[in-house]
Amino acid sequence: MILGYSRLYEPDRIERALPDPSAARALLARLRPDIPGRLAAVAARIDDSDLARRSLDATLMGIARLGLRHGGFGDDPHDYHNEEHVLELAERRQGRVMDQLGIAVLPAAKWLALMIFSACHDLRQREPRDVPGPVGGNEASSIAETFRILDACGFHRGHDRGMFVALELMIAGSTFDPRPAPAPGSEHAIATGGSLAKALGLWLDTEQPDWHSDEHARNGERLARLSADLDTANVGEPFMFLADSALRLCRELQRKAGRRLDQPVSGPACLSFLGQGQLHYFFDLHRFASREGEQVFGPTKADNAMRVRSVSAALELEFARRPPDSGEAVMAAFQHLSRVA
């Protein structure tokens, strides 16, 4: 559509194994029969149209493929980027926005795009090939696969161009850069640190200068900011959810790095991530990108700030005199401190 990534990444064995909504529903019926009904309830809150039906099909295809590729249905389980992350976005976080702001705050098509985003933005987590610019290879390849999912669910690239463009920009904007933000005015200023969505419009100004005249692109850029806020809304959820997400991502990062949690080699990495790393994420990298996200999740983030500082300081103190024996020891200490914070 706008960025051209859909032509760069070919289908893999997971796509071939689940080529259509029927195959996705069959897998879920066998392995997670609760999921179709839970996501159907989200769609029913939004609309009962043909668009809602097709959007639900796309969401179910996305969650089934993610679960088979990286979640609990296959042989490469990820602790964070899996089917449960889809549910926490579509059910808990999007549901919270709906409850607090009301369904009427967005047209049905935009709510449905957010639902599809929840299932499709993390489809690929091991893509070895990046694309030029700030969009990550995982995100670019997820865009390509999402387009094929939409095709399989009865969306047409001409008539439904708005949905394709919206998801293209939403998934691109979910690229998360954990490095510190560059100095203002530097040549890398677009790579802002944190979610790309905050600077997506600035990047589009250089890559696609006419994007402002494209209504679908304008809508997609706005939805990209809201979807990025949903993706990173753990900062603005009850502290138990924030702590749990940190533990899950810590486990995933250690697994991907090949470090066993019961061995000393994982201790310093877990301490860094769960200690100073959480401070860096919460206070330096995370910024709300949409007014809706800040309105709904901002007050709880403010409430969490003191707890994040307290747990980080206590964790550092716990291991100040003696390095941790293992990553498991650090995670157990973090979990205990989070419960009493």
Protein backbone atom coordinates (compact mmCIF):
# COMPACT_ATOMS: atom_id res chain seq x y z
CA MET A 1 0.00 0.00 0.00
CA ILE A 2 2.04 2.96 1.29
CA LEU A 3 5.27 1.41 2.58
CA GLY A 4 5.64 -1.49 0.15
CA TYR A 5 6.61 -4.17 2.68
CA SER A 6 3.94 -6.62 1.57
CA ARG A 7 6.07 -7.59 -1.42
CA LEU A 8 9.22 -8.29 0.59
CA TYR A 9 8.24 -11.25 2.78
CA GLU A 10 6.92 -14.58 1.58
CA PRO A 11 4.54 -16.96 3.41
CA ASP A 12 6.19 -19.45 5.75
CA ARG A 13 5.14 -22.93 6.93
CA ILE A 14 2.80 -21.51 9.58
CA GLU A 15 0.87 -19.54 6.97
CA ARG A 16 0.62 -22.63 4.80
CA ALA A 17 -0.57 -24.71 7.76
CA LEU A 18 -3.36 -22.20 8.58
CA PRO A 19 -4.36 -20.75 5.21
CA ASP A 20 -7.90 -19.58 6.01
CA PRO A 21 -10.36 -18.82 8.82
CA SER A 22 -11.70 -22.38 8.86
CA ALA A 23 -8.26 -23.83 9.56
CA ALA A 24 -7.67 -21.24 12.28
CA ARG A 25 -11.00 -21.98 13.94
CA ALA A 26 -10.33 -25.72 13.81
CA LEU A 27 -6.96 -25.28 15.56
CA LEU A 28 -8.47 -23.05 18.23
CA ALA A 29 -11.41 -25.42 18.77
CA ARG A 30 -8.92 -28.18 19.48
CA LEU A 31 -6.37 -26.29 21.59
CA ARG A 32 -8.04 -23.15 23.00
CA PRO A 33 -11.82 -23.39 22.59
CA ASP A 34 -12.33 -20.36 24.83
CA ILE A 35 -10.64 -17.94 22.43
CA PRO A 36 -13.20 -17.70 19.57
CA GLY A 37 -16.02 -16.85 21.95
CA ARG A 38 -13.98 -14.31 23.86
CA LEU A 39 -12.96 -12.46 20.71
CA ALA A 40 -16.46 -12.78 19.25
CA ALA A 41 -17.68 -10.95 22.34
CA VAL A 42 -15.26 -8.10 21.62
CA ALA A 43 -16.48 -7.88 18.03
CA ALA A 44 -20.13 -7.99 19.14
CA ARG A 45 -19.59 -4.95 21.34
CA ILE A 46 -18.51 -3.02 18.26
CA ASP A 47 -20.87 -4.07 15.46
CA ASP A 48 -22.82 -6.95 13.94
CA SER A 49 -22.04 -6.14 10.31
CA ASP A 50 -20.29 -8.12 7.61
CA LEU A 51 -17.22 -6.00 8.34
CA ALA A 52 -17.28 -7.19 11.95
CA ARG A 53 -17.57 -10.82 10.82
CA ARG A 54 -14.60 -10.51 8.47
CA SER A 55 -12.62 -8.65 11.12
CA LEU A 56 -13.28 -11.40 13.64
CA ASP A 57 -12.10 -13.97 11.08
CA ALA A 58 -8.88 -11.99 10.58
CA THR A 59 -8.35 -11.69 14.33
CA LEU A 60 -8.83 -15.42 14.83
CA MET A 61 -6.42 -16.18 11.98
CA GLY A 62 -3.87 -13.86 13.55
CA ILE A 63 -4.11 -15.31 17.06
CA ALA A 64 -4.05 -18.89 15.77
CA ARG A 65 -0.95 -18.27 13.66
CA LEU A 66 0.80 -16.39 16.46
CA GLY A 67 0.00 -19.20 18.88
CA LEU A 68 1.30 -21.82 16.46
CA ARG A 69 4.41 -19.86 15.56
CA HIS A 70 5.42 -18.35 18.90
CA GLY A 71 2.85 -19.30 21.51
CA GLY A 72 1.38 -22.28 23.27
CA PHE A 73 0.38 -24.23 20.16
CA GLY A 74 3.81 -24.85 18.63
CA ASP A 75 7.46 -25.66 19.29
CA ASP A 76 8.90 -22.13 19.73
CA PRO A 77 7.01 -20.81 22.76
CA HIS A 78 7.49 -17.16 23.67
CA ASP A 79 6.55 -16.03 27.17
CA TYR A 80 5.32 -12.56 26.14
CA HIS A 81 4.60 -12.40 22.42
CA ASN A 82 1.93 -15.09 22.31
CA GLU A 83 -1.83 -15.58 22.24
CA GLU A 84 -2.26 -14.21 25.78
CA HIS A 85 -0.81 -10.87 24.69
CA VAL A 86 -3.51 -10.69 22.01
CA LEU A 87 -6.20 -11.23 24.60
CA GLU A 88 -4.82 -8.65 27.00
CA LEU A 89 -4.93 -6.05 24.21
CA ALA A 90 -8.27 -6.96 22.64
CA GLU A 91 -10.19 -7.84 25.79
CA ARG A 92 -8.64 -5.97 28.69
CA ARG A 93 -7.06 -2.84 27.24
CA GLN A 94 -9.33 -2.12 24.29
CA GLY A 95 -12.24 -3.07 26.49
CA ARG A 96 -11.12 -0.55 29.08
CA VAL A 97 -11.00 2.21 26.49
CA MET A 98 -14.49 1.26 25.30
CA ASP A 99 -15.81 1.22 28.86
CA GLN A 100 -14.26 4.52 29.85
CA LEU A 101 -14.68 6.58 26.67
CA GLY A 102 -17.69 4.84 25.14
CA ILE A 103 -18.09 3.03 21.83
CA ALA A 104 -19.22 6.22 20.10
CA VAL A 105 -15.79 7.82 20.49
CA LEU A 106 -14.60 5.92 17.37
CA PRO A 107 -16.38 4.56 14.27
CA ALA A 108 -16.89 0.81 14.23
CA ALA A 109 -14.30 0.29 11.49
CA LYS A 110 -11.58 1.81 13.68
CA TRP A 111 -12.46 -0.32 16.69
CA LEU A 112 -12.34 -3.36 14.42
CA ALA A 113 -8.94 -2.32 13.07
CA LEU A 114 -7.67 -2.12 16.65
CA MET A 115 -9.00 -5.62 17.31
CA ILE A 116 -7.22 -7.02 14.25
CA PHE A 117 -4.06 -5.15 15.27
CA SER A 118 -4.06 -6.93 18.63
CA ALA A 119 -3.72 -10.29 16.87
CA CYS A 120 -1.46 -9.34 13.97
CA HIS A 121 1.14 -6.79 15.11
CA ASP A 122 3.42 -9.46 16.63
CA LEU A 123 2.92 -12.26 14.09
CA ARG A 124 6.65 -12.54 13.37
CA GLN A 125 9.24 -12.45 16.17
CA ARG A 126 12.30 -14.06 14.60
CA GLU A 127 12.63 -12.23 11.29
CA PRO A 128 16.38 -12.02 10.45
CA ARG A 129 15.98 -9.41 7.70
CA ASP A 130 15.25 -5.74 8.39
CA VAL A 131 14.04 -3.06 6.02
CA PRO A 132 15.64 0.36 5.51
CA GLY A 133 14.50 2.97 8.00
CA PRO A 134 13.10 2.76 11.53
CA VAL A 135 10.53 0.01 11.01
CA GLY A 136 11.72 -3.34 12.35
CA GLY A 137 11.93 -6.52 10.32
CA ASN A 138 9.46 -8.28 12.62
CA GLU A 139 6.95 -5.50 12.04
CA ALA A 140 7.53 -5.29 8.29
CA SER A 141 7.07 -9.04 7.87
CA SER A 142 3.99 -8.94 10.13
CA ILE A 143 2.51 -6.29 7.82
CA ALA A 144 3.07 -8.54 4.81
CA GLU A 145 1.41 -11.47 6.54
CA THR A 146 -1.48 -9.33 7.80
CA PHE A 147 -2.25 -8.24 4.26
CA ARG A 148 -2.49 -11.90 3.24
CA ILE A 149 -4.73 -12.60 6.23
CA LEU A 150 -7.06 -9.79 5.17
CA ASP A 151 -7.11 -11.21 1.64
CA ALA A 152 -8.06 -14.64 2.99
CA CYS A 153 -10.89 -13.13 5.07
CA GLY A 154 -12.66 -11.41 2.19
CA PHE A 155 -11.12 -7.94 2.36
CA HIS A 156 -10.37 -6.34 -1.01
CA ARG A 157 -7.32 -4.13 -1.43
CA GLY A 158 -9.28 -1.61 -3.46
CA HIS A 159 -12.66 -1.42 -1.73
CA ASP A 160 -11.18 -1.95 1.77
CA ARG A 161 -8.02 0.07 1.23
CA GLY A 162 -8.63 2.00 4.45
CA MET A 163 -8.29 -1.16 6.55
CA PHE A 164 -5.09 -2.23 4.78
CA VAL A 165 -3.47 1.20 5.16
CA ALA A 166 -4.56 1.51 8.78
CA LEU A 167 -3.05 -1.84 9.77
CA GLU A 168 0.09 -1.15 7.74
CA LEU A 169 0.74 2.05 9.68
CA MET A 170 -0.42 0.66 13.03
CA ILE A 171 1.94 -2.31 12.85
CA ALA A 172 4.81 -0.15 11.58
CA GLY A 173 4.20 2.27 14.44
CA SER A 174 4.38 -0.56 16.99
CA THR A 175 8.12 -0.88 16.34
CA PHE A 176 9.71 -0.36 19.74
CA ASP A 177 13.26 0.94 20.05
CA PRO A 178 14.72 0.23 23.52
CA ARG A 179 17.68 2.53 22.98
CA PRO A 180 17.73 6.02 24.52
CA ALA A 181 16.16 8.76 22.46
CA PRO A 182 18.65 10.67 20.29
CA ALA A 183 19.29 14.33 20.84
CA PRO A 184 16.69 16.66 19.26
CA GLY A 185 17.73 17.79 15.81
CA SER A 186 20.14 14.89 15.27
CA GLU A 187 20.08 12.94 12.02
CA HIS A 188 18.50 10.01 13.90
CA ALA A 189 15.79 12.08 15.59
CA ILE A 190 13.01 10.02 14.01
CA ALA A 191 14.21 6.95 15.91
CA THR A 192 12.83 8.47 19.07
CA GLY A 193 13.30 5.61 21.50
CA GLY A 194 10.17 3.74 22.51
CA SER A 195 7.29 3.30 20.06
CA LEU A 196 7.82 4.59 16.53
CA ALA A 197 4.17 5.74 16.48
CA LYS A 198 5.14 8.97 18.27
CA ALA A 199 7.27 9.98 15.28
CA LEU A 200 5.45 8.11 12.53
CA GLY A 201 4.05 11.30 10.99
CA LEU A 202 7.49 12.89 10.97
CA TRP A 203 8.96 9.86 9.24
CA LEU A 204 6.12 9.78 6.70
CA ASP A 205 6.84 13.44 5.92
CA THR A 206 10.25 12.35 4.62
CA GLU A 207 9.22 9.04 3.02
CA GLN A 208 5.75 9.87 1.69
CA PRO A 209 5.45 13.69 1.62
CA ASP A 210 1.92 13.57 0.20
CA TRP A 211 0.49 11.35 2.93
CA HIS A 212 -1.50 14.20 4.48
CA SER A 213 -3.68 14.32 1.37
CA ASP A 214 -4.56 10.63 1.76
CA GLU A 215 -7.53 10.23 4.12
CA HIS A 216 -6.71 6.59 4.74
CA ALA A 217 -3.14 7.47 5.70
CA ARG A 218 -4.31 10.21 8.05
CA ASN A 219 -6.69 7.80 9.74
CA GLY A 220 -4.00 5.13 9.91
CA GLU A 221 -1.48 7.47 11.51
CA ARG A 222 -3.99 8.44 14.20
CA LEU A 223 -4.88 4.80 14.85
CA ALA A 224 -1.16 3.95 14.99
CA ARG A 225 -0.79 6.30 17.95
CA LEU A 226 -3.73 4.76 19.79
CA SER A 227 -2.71 1.18 19.00
CA ALA A 228 0.83 1.87 20.25
CA ASP A 229 -0.69 3.11 23.50
CA LEU A 230 -2.70 -0.12 23.81
CA ASP A 231 0.42 -2.16 23.10
CA THR A 232 2.39 -0.42 25.86
CA ALA A 233 -0.52 0.20 28.24
CA ASN A 234 0.99 -2.10 30.87
CA VAL A 235 2.46 1.10 32.36
CA GLY A 236 -1.10 2.30 33.01
CA GLU A 237 -2.66 -0.90 34.29
CA PRO A 238 -2.87 -2.10 37.89
CA PHE A 239 0.66 -2.69 39.15
CA MET A 240 0.22 -6.47 39.31
CA PHE A 241 -0.30 -6.51 35.52
CA LEU A 242 2.73 -4.27 34.93
CA ALA A 243 4.95 -6.52 37.06
CA ASP A 244 3.64 -9.68 35.40
CA SER A 245 4.33 -8.31 31.92
CA ALA A 246 7.89 -7.45 32.96
CA LEU A 247 8.47 -10.99 34.21
CA ARG A 248 7.05 -12.54 31.04
CA LEU A 249 9.18 -10.37 28.78
CA CYS A 250 12.25 -11.04 30.92
CA ARG A 251 11.75 -14.79 30.51
CA GLU A 252 11.28 -14.41 26.78
CA LEU A 253 14.42 -12.33 26.33
CA GLN A 254 16.52 -14.83 28.27
CA ARG A 255 15.11 -17.72 26.28
CA LYS A 256 15.85 -15.98 22.98
CA ALA A 257 19.38 -15.16 24.18
CA GLY A 258 19.98 -18.80 25.07
CA ARG A 259 20.54 -18.10 28.76
CA ARG A 260 19.03 -20.61 31.19
CA LEU A 261 17.19 -19.02 34.08
CA ASP A 262 18.55 -21.55 36.57
CA GLN A 263 22.16 -20.71 35.71
CA PRO A 264 24.37 -17.83 36.98
CA VAL A 265 24.79 -16.42 33.46
CA SER A 266 21.20 -15.19 33.45
CA GLY A 267 21.42 -13.41 36.80
CA PRO A 268 23.01 -10.10 35.75
CA ALA A 269 20.82 -9.83 32.63
CA CYS A 270 17.62 -10.35 34.63
CA LEU A 271 18.75 -7.90 37.30
CA SER A 272 19.49 -5.27 34.66
CA PHE A 273 16.15 -5.76 32.92
CA LEU A 274 13.97 -5.90 36.02
CA GLY A 275 15.88 -3.20 37.87
CA GLN A 276 17.27 -0.28 35.92
CA GLY A 277 15.59 -1.56 32.76
CA GLN A 278 12.12 -1.03 34.18
CA LEU A 279 13.01 2.50 35.24
CA HIS A 280 14.32 3.20 31.74
CA TYR A 281 11.19 1.80 30.09
CA PHE A 282 8.70 3.47 32.41
CA PHE A 283 10.25 6.92 32.73
CA ASP A 284 12.45 7.38 29.65
CA LEU A 285 11.05 5.33 26.78
CA HIS A 286 7.33 5.31 27.34
CA ARG A 287 5.29 8.32 26.24
CA PHE A 288 1.61 8.26 25.39
CA ALA A 289 1.09 8.90 21.69
CA SER A 290 -2.69 9.48 21.66
CA ARG A 291 -5.06 11.59 23.69
CA GLU A 292 -7.30 8.55 24.24
CA GLY A 293 -4.42 6.49 25.57
CA GLU A 294 -3.30 9.18 27.97
CA GLN A 295 -6.84 9.87 29.15
CA VAL A 296 -7.55 6.21 29.94
CA PHE A 297 -4.17 4.92 31.10
CA GLY A 298 -2.36 8.09 32.21
CA PRO A 299 -3.79 8.33 35.75
CA THR A 300 -2.87 4.73 36.57
CA LYS A 301 0.62 5.26 35.17
CA ALA A 302 1.04 8.20 37.53
CA ASP A 303 -0.09 5.98 40.41
CA ASN A 304 2.43 3.30 39.41
CA ALA A 305 5.45 5.61 39.28
CA MET A 306 6.31 5.39 42.97
CA ARG A 307 5.94 1.60 42.96
CA VAL A 308 8.25 1.24 39.96
CA ARG A 309 10.93 3.32 41.68
CA SER A 310 10.47 1.46 44.96
CA VAL A 311 10.68 -2.03 43.50
CA SER A 312 13.68 -1.15 41.33
CA ALA A 313 15.58 0.31 44.29
CA ALA A 314 14.72 -2.63 46.53
CA LEU A 315 15.78 -5.13 43.87
CA GLU A 316 19.13 -3.40 43.40
CA LEU A 317 19.63 -3.37 47.18
CA GLU A 318 18.75 -7.06 47.42
CA PHE A 319 21.71 -7.98 45.23
CA ALA A 320 24.09 -5.14 46.07
CA ARG A 321 26.39 -7.23 48.25
CA ARG A 322 26.28 -10.51 46.36
CA PRO A 323 25.55 -11.08 42.68
CA PRO A 324 22.44 -13.18 42.01
CA ASP A 325 22.92 -16.93 41.79
CA SER A 326 20.59 -17.12 38.78
CA GLY A 327 17.93 -15.34 36.81
CA GLU A 328 15.33 -17.32 38.72
CA ALA A 329 16.57 -15.78 41.98
CA VAL A 330 16.18 -12.28 40.55
CA MET A 331 12.73 -13.00 39.18
CA ALA A 332 11.57 -14.49 42.48
CA ALA A 333 12.80 -11.41 44.34
CA PHE A 334 11.13 -9.08 41.83
CA GLN A 335 7.86 -10.97 42.11
CA HIS A 336 7.91 -10.79 45.92
CA LEU A 337 8.80 -7.10 45.98
CA SER A 338 6.06 -6.33 43.45
CA ARG A 339 3.44 -8.04 45.57
CA VAL A 340 4.27 -6.00 48.67
CA ALA A 341 4.89 -2.68 46.88
